[in-house]
Amino acid sequence: MRIKEQLLQELDQVPESTLQEVLEFVRSLKAEKQSNIEDRVWQAYLESEREREEVYRRLANS
């Protein structure tokens, strides 16, 4: 059985009063993952900037 199917089975057993909390938790997981992706992209950009500055510095000094 696939994970999604297992999750759906479990959700079928969760009381209606708890579903809002489950939804908020799932959304927070998605937001955290998106934030991590954005952080990695930003770090890669900053690293490329540092490398570019180093290349320009070496060219200027040669």
PDB file of N, CA and C in Angstrom:
ATOM      1  N   MET A   1       0.849  -1.189   0.000  1.00  0.00           N
ATOM      2  CA  MET A   1       0.000   0.000   0.000  1.00  0.00           C
ATOM      3  C   MET A   1       0.887   1.242   0.000  1.00  0.00           C
ATOM      4  N   ARG A   2       0.526   2.181  -0.844  1.00  0.00           N
ATOM      5  CA  ARG A   2       1.298   3.406  -0.943  1.00  0.00           C
ATOM      6  C   ARG A   2       1.071   4.297   0.275  1.00  0.00           C
ATOM      7  N   ILE A   3       2.022   5.150   0.512  1.00  0.00           N
ATOM      8  CA  ILE A   3       1.962   6.038   1.682  1.00  0.00           C
ATOM      9  C   ILE A   3       0.725   6.924   1.628  1.00  0.00           C
ATOM     10  N   LYS A   4       0.417   7.451   0.446  1.00  0.00           N
ATOM     11  CA  LYS A   4      -0.747   8.329   0.328  1.00  0.00           C
ATOM     12  C   LYS A   4      -2.026   7.584   0.715  1.00  0.00           C
ATOM     13  N   GLU A   5      -2.121   6.350   0.290  1.00  0.00           N
ATOM     14  CA  GLU A   5      -3.292   5.542   0.655  1.00  0.00           C
ATOM     15  C   GLU A   5      -3.347   5.307   2.164  1.00  0.00           C
ATOM     16  N   GLN A   6      -2.199   5.067   2.757  1.00  0.00           N
ATOM     17  CA  GLN A   6      -2.151   4.875   4.203  1.00  0.00           C
ATOM     18  C   GLN A   6      -2.576   6.145   4.939  1.00  0.00           C
ATOM     19  N   LEU A   7      -2.092   7.282   4.452  1.00  0.00           N
ATOM     20  CA  LEU A   7      -2.475   8.555   5.055  1.00  0.00           C
ATOM     21  C   LEU A   7      -3.979   8.782   4.956  1.00  0.00           C
ATOM     22  N   LEU A   8      -4.537   8.489   3.797  1.00  0.00           N
ATOM     23  CA  LEU A   8      -5.978   8.673   3.621  1.00  0.00           C
ATOM     24  C   LEU A   8      -6.770   7.768   4.555  1.00  0.00           C
ATOM     25  N   GLN A   9      -6.294   6.558   4.737  1.00  0.00           N
ATOM     26  CA  GLN A   9      -6.962   5.650   5.675  1.00  0.00           C
ATOM     27  C   GLN A   9      -6.916   6.209   7.095  1.00  0.00           C
ATOM     28  N   GLU A  10      -5.758   6.706   7.473  1.00  0.00           N
ATOM     29  CA  GLU A  10      -5.618   7.284   8.810  1.00  0.00           C
ATOM     30  C   GLU A  10      -6.509   8.516   8.967  1.00  0.00           C
ATOM     31  N   LEU A  11      -6.553   9.347   7.935  1.00  0.00           N
ATOM     32  CA  LEU A  11      -7.378  10.552   7.999  1.00  0.00           C
ATOM     33  C   LEU A  11      -8.860  10.217   8.141  1.00  0.00           C
ATOM     34  N   ASP A  12      -9.259   9.128   7.541  1.00  0.00           N
ATOM     35  CA  ASP A  12     -10.656   8.696   7.680  1.00  0.00           C
ATOM     36  C   ASP A  12     -11.019   8.402   9.126  1.00  0.00           C
ATOM     37  N   GLN A  13     -10.018   8.108   9.949  1.00  0.00           N
ATOM     38  CA  GLN A  13     -10.275   7.753  11.343  1.00  0.00           C
ATOM     39  C   GLN A  13     -10.091   8.935  12.300  1.00  0.00           C
ATOM     40  N   VAL A  14      -9.610  10.048  11.765  1.00  0.00           N
ATOM     41  CA  VAL A  14      -9.388  11.228  12.608  1.00  0.00           C
ATOM     42  C   VAL A  14     -10.727  11.942  12.816  1.00  0.00           C
ATOM     43  N   PRO A  15     -11.019  12.318  14.052  1.00  0.00           N
ATOM     44  CA  PRO A  15     -12.275  13.051  14.304  1.00  0.00           C
ATOM     45  C   PRO A  15     -12.292  14.384  13.558  1.00  0.00           C
ATOM     46  N   GLU A  16     -13.464  14.776  13.126  1.00  0.00           N
ATOM     47  CA  GLU A  16     -13.627  16.025  12.385  1.00  0.00           C
ATOM     48  C   GLU A  16     -13.033  17.214  13.140  1.00  0.00           C
ATOM     49  N   SER A  17     -13.160  17.202  14.449  1.00  0.00           N
ATOM     50  CA  SER A  17     -12.651  18.308  15.261  1.00  0.00           C
ATOM     51  C   SER A  17     -11.122  18.429  15.218  1.00  0.00           C
ATOM     52  N   THR A  18     -10.445  17.367  14.829  1.00  0.00           N
ATOM     53  CA  THR A  18      -8.978  17.367  14.790  1.00  0.00           C
ATOM     54  C   THR A  18      -8.436  17.637  13.384  1.00  0.00           C
ATOM     55  N   LEU A  19      -9.278  17.545  12.386  1.00  0.00           N
ATOM     56  CA  LEU A  19      -8.815  17.691  11.005  1.00  0.00           C
ATOM     57  C   LEU A  19      -8.198  19.058  10.721  1.00  0.00           C
ATOM     58  N   GLN A  20      -8.700  20.116  11.320  1.00  0.00           N
ATOM     59  CA  GLN A  20      -8.118  21.447  11.110  1.00  0.00           C
ATOM     60  C   GLN A  20      -6.677  21.480  11.594  1.00  0.00           C
ATOM     61  N   GLU A  21      -6.410  20.864  12.717  1.00  0.00           N
ATOM     62  CA  GLU A  21      -5.048  20.805  13.252  1.00  0.00           C
ATOM     63  C   GLU A  21      -4.140  20.000  12.321  1.00  0.00           C
ATOM     64  N   VAL A  22      -4.653  18.907  11.796  1.00  0.00           N
ATOM     65  CA  VAL A  22      -3.882  18.089  10.855  1.00  0.00           C
ATOM     66  C   VAL A  22      -3.566  18.900   9.601  1.00  0.00           C
ATOM     67  N   LEU A  23      -4.560  19.616   9.098  1.00  0.00           N
ATOM     68  CA  LEU A  23      -4.360  20.440   7.907  1.00  0.00           C
ATOM     69  C   LEU A  23      -3.292  21.503   8.155  1.00  0.00           C
ATOM     70  N   GLU A  24      -3.350  22.156   9.282  1.00  0.00           N
ATOM     71  CA  GLU A  24      -2.354  23.174   9.616  1.00  0.00           C
ATOM     72  C   GLU A  24      -0.960  22.563   9.711  1.00  0.00           C
ATOM     73  N   PHE A  25      -0.867  21.364  10.259  1.00  0.00           N
ATOM     74  CA  PHE A  25       0.428  20.690  10.366  1.00  0.00           C
ATOM     75  C   PHE A  25       0.995  20.381   8.978  1.00  0.00           C
ATOM     76  N   VAL A  26       0.155  19.853   8.099  1.00  0.00           N
ATOM     77  CA  VAL A  26       0.605  19.525   6.741  1.00  0.00           C
ATOM     78  C   VAL A  26       1.061  20.797   6.022  1.00  0.00           C
ATOM     79  N   ARG A  27       0.298  21.862   6.186  1.00  0.00           N
ATOM     80  CA  ARG A  27       0.686  23.124   5.545  1.00  0.00           C
ATOM     81  C   ARG A  27       1.996  23.660   6.110  1.00  0.00           C
ATOM     82  N   SER A  28       2.214  23.482   7.401  1.00  0.00           N
ATOM     83  CA  SER A  28       3.470  23.949   7.993  1.00  0.00           C
ATOM     84  C   SER A  28       4.654  23.143   7.469  1.00  0.00           C
ATOM     85  N   LEU A  29       4.445  21.852   7.231  1.00  0.00           N
ATOM     86  CA  LEU A  29       5.506  21.026   6.643  1.00  0.00           C
ATOM     87  C   LEU A  29       5.855  21.509   5.238  1.00  0.00           C
ATOM     88  N   LYS A  30       4.824  21.818   4.462  1.00  0.00           N
ATOM     89  CA  LYS A  30       5.052  22.311   3.103  1.00  0.00           C
ATOM     90  C   LYS A  30       5.790  23.645   3.132  1.00  0.00           C
ATOM     91  N   ALA A  31       5.383  24.530   4.020  1.00  0.00           N
ATOM     92  CA  ALA A  31       6.023  25.843   4.116  1.00  0.00           C
ATOM     93  C   ALA A  31       7.478  25.704   4.542  1.00  0.00           C
ATOM     94  N   GLU A  32       7.733  24.797   5.472  1.00  0.00           N
ATOM     95  CA  GLU A  32       9.110  24.579   5.933  1.00  0.00           C
ATOM     96  C   GLU A  32       9.979  24.060   4.801  1.00  0.00           C
ATOM     97  N   LYS A  33       9.449  23.128   4.027  1.00  0.00           N
ATOM     98  CA  LYS A  33      10.207  22.582   2.899  1.00  0.00           C
ATOM     99  C   LYS A  33      10.496  23.677   1.871  1.00  0.00           C
ATOM    100  N   GLN A  34       9.494  24.498   1.577  1.00  0.00           N
ATOM    101  CA  GLN A  34       9.676  25.592   0.633  1.00  0.00           C
ATOM    102  C   GLN A  34      10.722  26.574   1.145  1.00  0.00           C
ATOM    103  N   SER A  35      10.679  26.860   2.428  1.00  0.00           N
ATOM    104  CA  SER A  35      11.646  27.763   3.026  1.00  0.00           C
ATOM    105  C   SER A  35      13.059  27.200   2.913  1.00  0.00           C
ATOM    106  N   ASN A  36      13.209  25.900   3.140  1.00  0.00           N
ATOM    107  CA  ASN A  36      14.525  25.263   3.020  1.00  0.00           C
ATOM    108  C   ASN A  36      15.046  25.347   1.594  1.00  0.00           C
ATOM    109  N   ILE A  37      14.162  25.162   0.622  1.00  0.00           N
ATOM    110  CA  ILE A  37      14.562  25.262  -0.783  1.00  0.00           C
ATOM    111  C   ILE A  37      15.026  26.683  -1.087  1.00  0.00           C
ATOM    112  N   GLU A  38      14.246  27.656  -0.631  1.00  0.00           N
ATOM    113  CA  GLU A  38      14.614  29.047  -0.871  1.00  0.00           C
ATOM    114  C   GLU A  38      15.947  29.389  -0.203  1.00  0.00           C
ATOM    115  N   ASP A  39      16.181  28.869   0.990  1.00  0.00           N
ATOM    116  CA  ASP A  39      17.452  29.104   1.679  1.00  0.00           C
ATOM    117  C   ASP A  39      18.620  28.530   0.882  1.00  0.00           C
ATOM    118  N   ARG A  40      18.450  27.328   0.348  1.00  0.00           N
ATOM    119  CA  ARG A  40      19.527  26.707  -0.431  1.00  0.00           C
ATOM    120  C   ARG A  40      19.799  27.480  -1.715  1.00  0.00           C
ATOM    121  N   VAL A  41      18.740  27.950  -2.362  1.00  0.00           N
ATOM    122  CA  VAL A  41      18.913  28.737  -3.585  1.00  0.00           C
ATOM    123  C   VAL A  41      19.652  30.028  -3.260  1.00  0.00           C
ATOM    124  N   TRP A  42      19.257  30.692  -2.181  1.00  0.00           N
ATOM    125  CA  TRP A  42      19.905  31.941  -1.785  1.00  0.00           C
ATOM    126  C   TRP A  42      21.376  31.702  -1.455  1.00  0.00           C
ATOM    127  N   GLN A  43      21.679  30.632  -0.744  1.00  0.00           N
ATOM    128  CA  GLN A  43      23.071  30.311  -0.403  1.00  0.00           C
ATOM    129  C   GLN A  43      23.889  30.043  -1.661  1.00  0.00           C
ATOM    130  N   ALA A  44      23.308  29.340  -2.624  1.00  0.00           N
ATOM    131  CA  ALA A  44      24.012  29.076  -3.884  1.00  0.00           C
ATOM    132  C   ALA A  44      24.279  30.383  -4.626  1.00  0.00           C
ATOM    133  N   TYR A  45      23.306  31.286  -4.612  1.00  0.00           N
ATOM    134  CA  TYR A  45      23.495  32.593  -5.249  1.00  0.00           C
ATOM    135  C   TYR A  45      24.632  33.365  -4.577  1.00  0.00           C
ATOM    136  N   LEU A  46      24.625  33.403  -3.256  1.00  0.00           N
ATOM    137  CA  LEU A  46      25.674  34.126  -2.541  1.00  0.00           C
ATOM    138  C   LEU A  46      27.048  33.517  -2.815  1.00  0.00           C
ATOM    139  N   GLU A  47      27.120  32.210  -2.868  1.00  0.00           N
ATOM    140  CA  GLU A  47      28.394  31.551  -3.180  1.00  0.00           C
ATOM    141  C   GLU A  47      28.878  31.920  -4.581  1.00  0.00           C
ATOM    142  N   SER A  48      27.962  31.959  -5.534  1.00  0.00           N
ATOM    143  CA  SER A  48      28.361  32.332  -6.903  1.00  0.00           C
ATOM    144  C   SER A  48      28.837  33.780  -6.944  1.00  0.00           C
ATOM    145  N   GLU A  49      28.213  34.638  -6.150  1.00  0.00           N
ATOM    146  CA  GLU A  49      28.660  36.033  -6.063  1.00  0.00           C
ATOM    147  C   GLU A  49      30.082  36.107  -5.511  1.00  0.00           C
ATOM    148  N   ARG A  50      30.351  35.342  -4.459  1.00  0.00           N
ATOM    149  CA  ARG A  50      31.705  35.332  -3.870  1.00  0.00           C
ATOM    150  C   ARG A  50      32.729  34.822  -4.885  1.00  0.00           C
ATOM    151  N   GLU A  51      32.371  33.782  -5.614  1.00  0.00           N
ATOM    152  CA  GLU A  51      33.286  33.245  -6.619  1.00  0.00           C
ATOM    153  C   GLU A  51      33.543  34.262  -7.729  1.00  0.00           C
ATOM    154  N   ARG A  52      32.486  34.938  -8.154  1.00  0.00           N
ATOM    155  CA  ARG A  52      32.627  35.955  -9.201  1.00  0.00           C
ATOM    156  C   ARG A  52      33.521  37.093  -8.717  1.00  0.00           C
ATOM    157  N   GLU A  53      33.329  37.537  -7.508  1.00  0.00           N
ATOM    158  CA  GLU A  53      34.167  38.598  -6.957  1.00  0.00           C
ATOM    159  C   GLU A  53      35.626  38.169  -6.903  1.00  0.00           C
ATOM    160  N   GLU A  54      35.864  36.908  -6.550  1.00  0.00           N
ATOM    161  CA  GLU A  54      37.233  36.386  -6.502  1.00  0.00           C
ATOM    162  C   GLU A  54      37.856  36.385  -7.895  1.00  0.00           C
ATOM    163  N   VAL A  55      37.092  35.983  -8.892  1.00  0.00           N
ATOM    164  CA  VAL A  55      37.601  35.984 -10.273  1.00  0.00           C
ATOM    165  C   VAL A  55      37.940  37.404 -10.697  1.00  0.00           C
ATOM    166  N   TYR A  56      37.032  38.346 -10.437  1.00  0.00           N
ATOM    167  CA  TYR A  56      37.294  39.740 -10.809  1.00  0.00           C
ATOM    168  C   TYR A  56      38.523  40.283 -10.083  1.00  0.00           C
ATOM    169  N   ARG A  57      38.670  39.934  -8.810  1.00  0.00           N
ATOM    170  CA  ARG A  57      39.828  40.400  -8.041  1.00  0.00           C
ATOM    171  C   ARG A  57      41.113  39.854  -8.637  1.00  0.00           C
ATOM    172  N   ARG A  58      41.127  38.580  -8.994  1.00  0.00           N
ATOM    173  CA  ARG A  58      42.332  37.987  -9.575  1.00  0.00           C
ATOM    174  C   ARG A  58      42.653  38.599 -10.925  1.00  0.00           C
ATOM    175  N   LEU A  59      41.611  38.851 -11.729  1.00  0.00           N
ATOM    176  CA  LEU A  59      41.841  39.468 -13.030  1.00  0.00           C
ATOM    177  C   LEU A  59      42.412  40.879 -12.864  1.00  0.00           C
ATOM    178  N   ALA A  60      41.891  41.607 -11.908  1.00  0.00           N
ATOM    179  CA  ALA A  60      42.357  42.983 -11.677  1.00  0.00           C
ATOM    180  C   ALA A  60      43.810  42.986 -11.190  1.00  0.00           C
ATOM    181  N   ASN A  61      44.208  41.976 -10.467  1.00  0.00           N
ATOM    182  CA  ASN A  61      45.570  41.917  -9.906  1.00  0.00           C
ATOM    183  C   ASN A  61      46.573  41.286 -10.865  1.00  0.00           C
ATOM    184  N   SER A  62      46.109  40.791 -12.008  1.00  0.00           N
ATOM    185  CA  SER A  62      47.064  40.128 -12.914  1.00  0.00           C
ATOM    186  C   SER A  62      47.615  41.074 -13.954  1.00  0.00           C
TER     187      SER A  62
END
